[in-house]
């Protein structure tokens, strides 16, 4: 007959600490898909097309993205993440997107806790700026697909 000993007190405490840390941290970290579709911004007369696709790592708060676009009035001269704002509402620049701005634009940026919350609740958008539309010609509101 075998006797199975219960874990020692230190082992139980270590397990409790690991489980409590995991409840809000790396043990439950996920990589969530992020996407957005470009639409004309403001009074733009062009018909921009394209997408923002990528992923958000909840353990590192790192957003990896690819921006593809076409149909703009000219070359992109600046690009930014803006927020917090709902669709159709303008907001200030949160993070610049580094050039060159030829499609596709690829990059990675780290968000702070407030920006992470804004991303996860759909309050961040990408804005592409051209010489003809310096306030922004194309906008893609970002959406995070929450997985279970």
Protein backbone atom coordinates (compact mmCIF):
# COMPACT_ATOMS: atom_id res chain seq x y z
CA UNK A 1 0.00 0.00 0.00
CA UNK A 2 1.25 3.44 -0.92
CA UNK A 3 0.94 6.52 1.22
CA UNK A 4 0.78 9.82 -0.62
CA UNK A 5 2.02 12.66 1.55
CA UNK A 6 0.38 16.03 1.30
CA UNK A 7 2.63 18.85 0.14
CA UNK A 8 4.61 20.62 2.81
CA UNK A 9 3.56 24.06 3.99
CA UNK A 10 6.36 25.82 2.04
CA UNK A 11 5.35 23.95 -1.13
CA UNK A 12 1.70 24.94 -0.65
CA UNK A 13 2.67 28.58 -0.07
CA UNK A 14 4.83 28.59 -3.20
CA UNK A 15 1.96 27.17 -5.21
CA UNK A 16 -0.42 29.79 -3.80
CA UNK A 17 1.98 32.59 -4.75
CA UNK A 18 2.37 31.22 -8.28
CA UNK A 19 -1.38 30.96 -8.73
CA UNK A 20 -2.04 34.46 -7.38
CA UNK A 21 0.65 36.01 -9.58
CA UNK A 22 -0.69 34.12 -12.57
CA UNK A 23 -4.19 35.48 -12.01
CA UNK A 24 -3.08 38.88 -13.23
CA UNK A 25 0.14 38.23 -15.01
CA UNK A 26 2.27 36.17 -17.30
CA UNK A 27 0.65 32.80 -16.63
CA UNK A 28 -2.45 34.08 -18.40
CA UNK A 29 -0.68 36.22 -21.01
CA UNK A 30 -2.10 36.03 -24.47
CA UNK A 31 -1.32 37.27 -27.93
CA UNK A 32 -4.46 38.92 -29.28
CA UNK A 33 -5.15 39.68 -32.95
CA UNK A 34 -5.52 43.37 -33.82
CA UNK A 35 -7.11 44.72 -37.00
CA UNK A 36 -8.56 47.80 -38.62
CA UNK A 37 -9.75 48.90 -42.06
CA UNK A 38 -8.90 52.27 -43.60
CA UNK A 39 -11.63 54.74 -44.43
CA UNK A 40 -11.52 58.33 -45.65
CA UNK A 41 -10.75 60.79 -42.85
CA UNK A 42 -12.56 64.11 -42.48
CA UNK A 43 -13.38 65.88 -45.74
CA UNK A 44 -11.01 63.75 -47.80
CA UNK A 45 -12.18 63.23 -51.39
CA UNK A 46 -10.07 60.14 -52.06
CA UNK A 47 -11.15 56.55 -51.47
CA UNK A 48 -8.41 55.02 -49.35
CA UNK A 49 -8.24 51.26 -48.97
CA UNK A 50 -6.10 49.03 -46.81
CA UNK A 51 -5.77 47.52 -43.40
CA UNK A 52 -3.87 47.45 -40.17
CA UNK A 53 -3.20 43.93 -38.94
CA UNK A 54 -1.08 42.66 -36.14
CA UNK A 55 -0.98 41.28 -32.64
CA UNK A 56 -0.88 42.52 -29.09
CA UNK A 57 1.14 40.63 -26.47
CA UNK A 58 -0.55 41.08 -23.09
CA UNK A 59 2.60 39.99 -21.20
CA UNK A 60 4.86 42.66 -22.72
CA UNK A 61 2.25 45.25 -23.83
CA UNK A 62 3.91 45.08 -27.24
CA UNK A 63 1.89 45.85 -30.37
CA UNK A 64 3.28 44.44 -33.62
CA UNK A 65 1.62 45.84 -36.74
CA UNK A 66 1.54 45.85 -40.52
CA UNK A 67 -0.12 48.76 -42.33
CA UNK A 68 -1.11 48.35 -45.98
CA UNK A 69 -2.80 51.07 -47.98
CA UNK A 70 -3.62 52.38 -51.46
CA UNK A 71 -5.82 55.00 -53.06
CA UNK A 72 -4.36 58.05 -51.31
CA UNK A 73 -3.81 61.46 -52.92
CA UNK A 74 -0.04 61.03 -52.71
CA UNK A 75 2.74 59.61 -50.58
CA UNK A 76 2.24 59.23 -46.84
CA UNK A 77 4.33 61.91 -45.10
CA UNK A 78 3.47 60.92 -41.50
CA UNK A 79 1.61 58.18 -39.67
CA UNK A 80 0.52 57.90 -36.06
CA UNK A 81 -1.48 55.98 -33.50
CA UNK A 82 -4.13 58.35 -32.13
CA UNK A 83 -6.48 58.09 -29.18
CA UNK A 84 -8.34 57.65 -27.05
CA UNK A 85 -11.34 58.20 -29.32
CA UNK A 86 -14.37 56.36 -30.60
CA UNK A 87 -14.91 55.97 -34.35
CA UNK A 88 -15.48 59.37 -35.97
CA UNK A 89 -14.05 61.35 -33.04
CA UNK A 90 -10.57 62.86 -33.34
CA UNK A 91 -7.86 62.57 -30.70
CA UNK A 92 -4.23 63.51 -30.25
CA UNK A 93 -1.18 61.51 -31.24
CA UNK A 94 -0.33 58.66 -28.86
CA UNK A 95 2.62 57.17 -30.71
CA UNK A 96 4.38 58.00 -33.96
CA UNK A 97 4.79 55.30 -36.59
CA UNK A 98 8.30 55.35 -37.99
CA UNK A 99 8.87 55.53 -41.75
CA UNK A 100 9.64 54.85 -44.44
CA UNK A 101 5.95 55.04 -45.27
CA UNK A 102 5.82 52.81 -48.34
CA UNK A 103 3.11 50.17 -48.10
CA UNK A 104 3.47 47.88 -46.21
CA UNK A 105 4.65 49.68 -43.08
CA UNK A 106 5.78 47.24 -40.39
CA UNK A 107 6.76 47.90 -36.83
CA UNK A 108 6.46 47.26 -33.13
CA UNK A 109 5.65 49.62 -30.28
CA UNK A 110 5.16 49.20 -26.55
CA UNK A 111 2.04 50.64 -24.96
CA UNK A 112 1.66 51.95 -21.44
CA UNK A 113 -1.18 50.69 -19.22
CA UNK A 114 -3.63 53.45 -20.23
CA UNK A 115 -2.89 52.89 -23.93
CA UNK A 116 -3.31 49.14 -23.46
CA UNK A 117 -6.77 49.68 -21.99
CA UNK A 118 -7.64 52.07 -24.85
CA UNK A 119 -6.48 49.52 -27.44
CA UNK A 120 -8.44 46.71 -25.84
CA UNK A 121 -11.61 48.84 -25.79
CA UNK A 122 -11.31 50.03 -29.43
CA UNK A 123 -10.27 53.61 -28.68
CA UNK A 124 -7.05 53.75 -30.74
CA UNK A 125 -6.82 54.42 -34.47
CA UNK A 126 -4.10 54.72 -37.09
CA UNK A 127 -4.05 57.90 -39.15
CA UNK A 128 -2.13 58.31 -42.42
CA UNK A 129 -1.20 61.88 -43.36
CA UNK A 130 -0.38 63.16 -46.87
CA UNK A 131 0.76 66.55 -48.18
CA UNK A 132 -2.75 67.18 -49.57
CA UNK A 133 -4.34 66.12 -46.27
CA UNK A 134 -1.92 66.99 -43.47
CA UNK A 135 -4.57 66.49 -40.77
CA UNK A 136 -5.08 62.92 -41.98
CA UNK A 137 -6.36 61.25 -45.14
CA UNK A 138 -7.03 57.69 -44.02
CA UNK A 139 -8.12 56.32 -40.65
CA UNK A 140 -8.32 52.75 -39.36
CA UNK A 141 -10.00 52.25 -35.98
CA UNK A 142 -8.28 49.31 -34.28
CA UNK A 143 -10.15 46.34 -32.87
CA UNK A 144 -8.75 43.64 -30.62
CA UNK A 145 -10.26 40.19 -30.88
CA UNK A 146 -10.51 38.86 -27.35
CA UNK A 147 -10.07 35.11 -27.27
CA UNK A 148 -11.09 32.79 -24.46
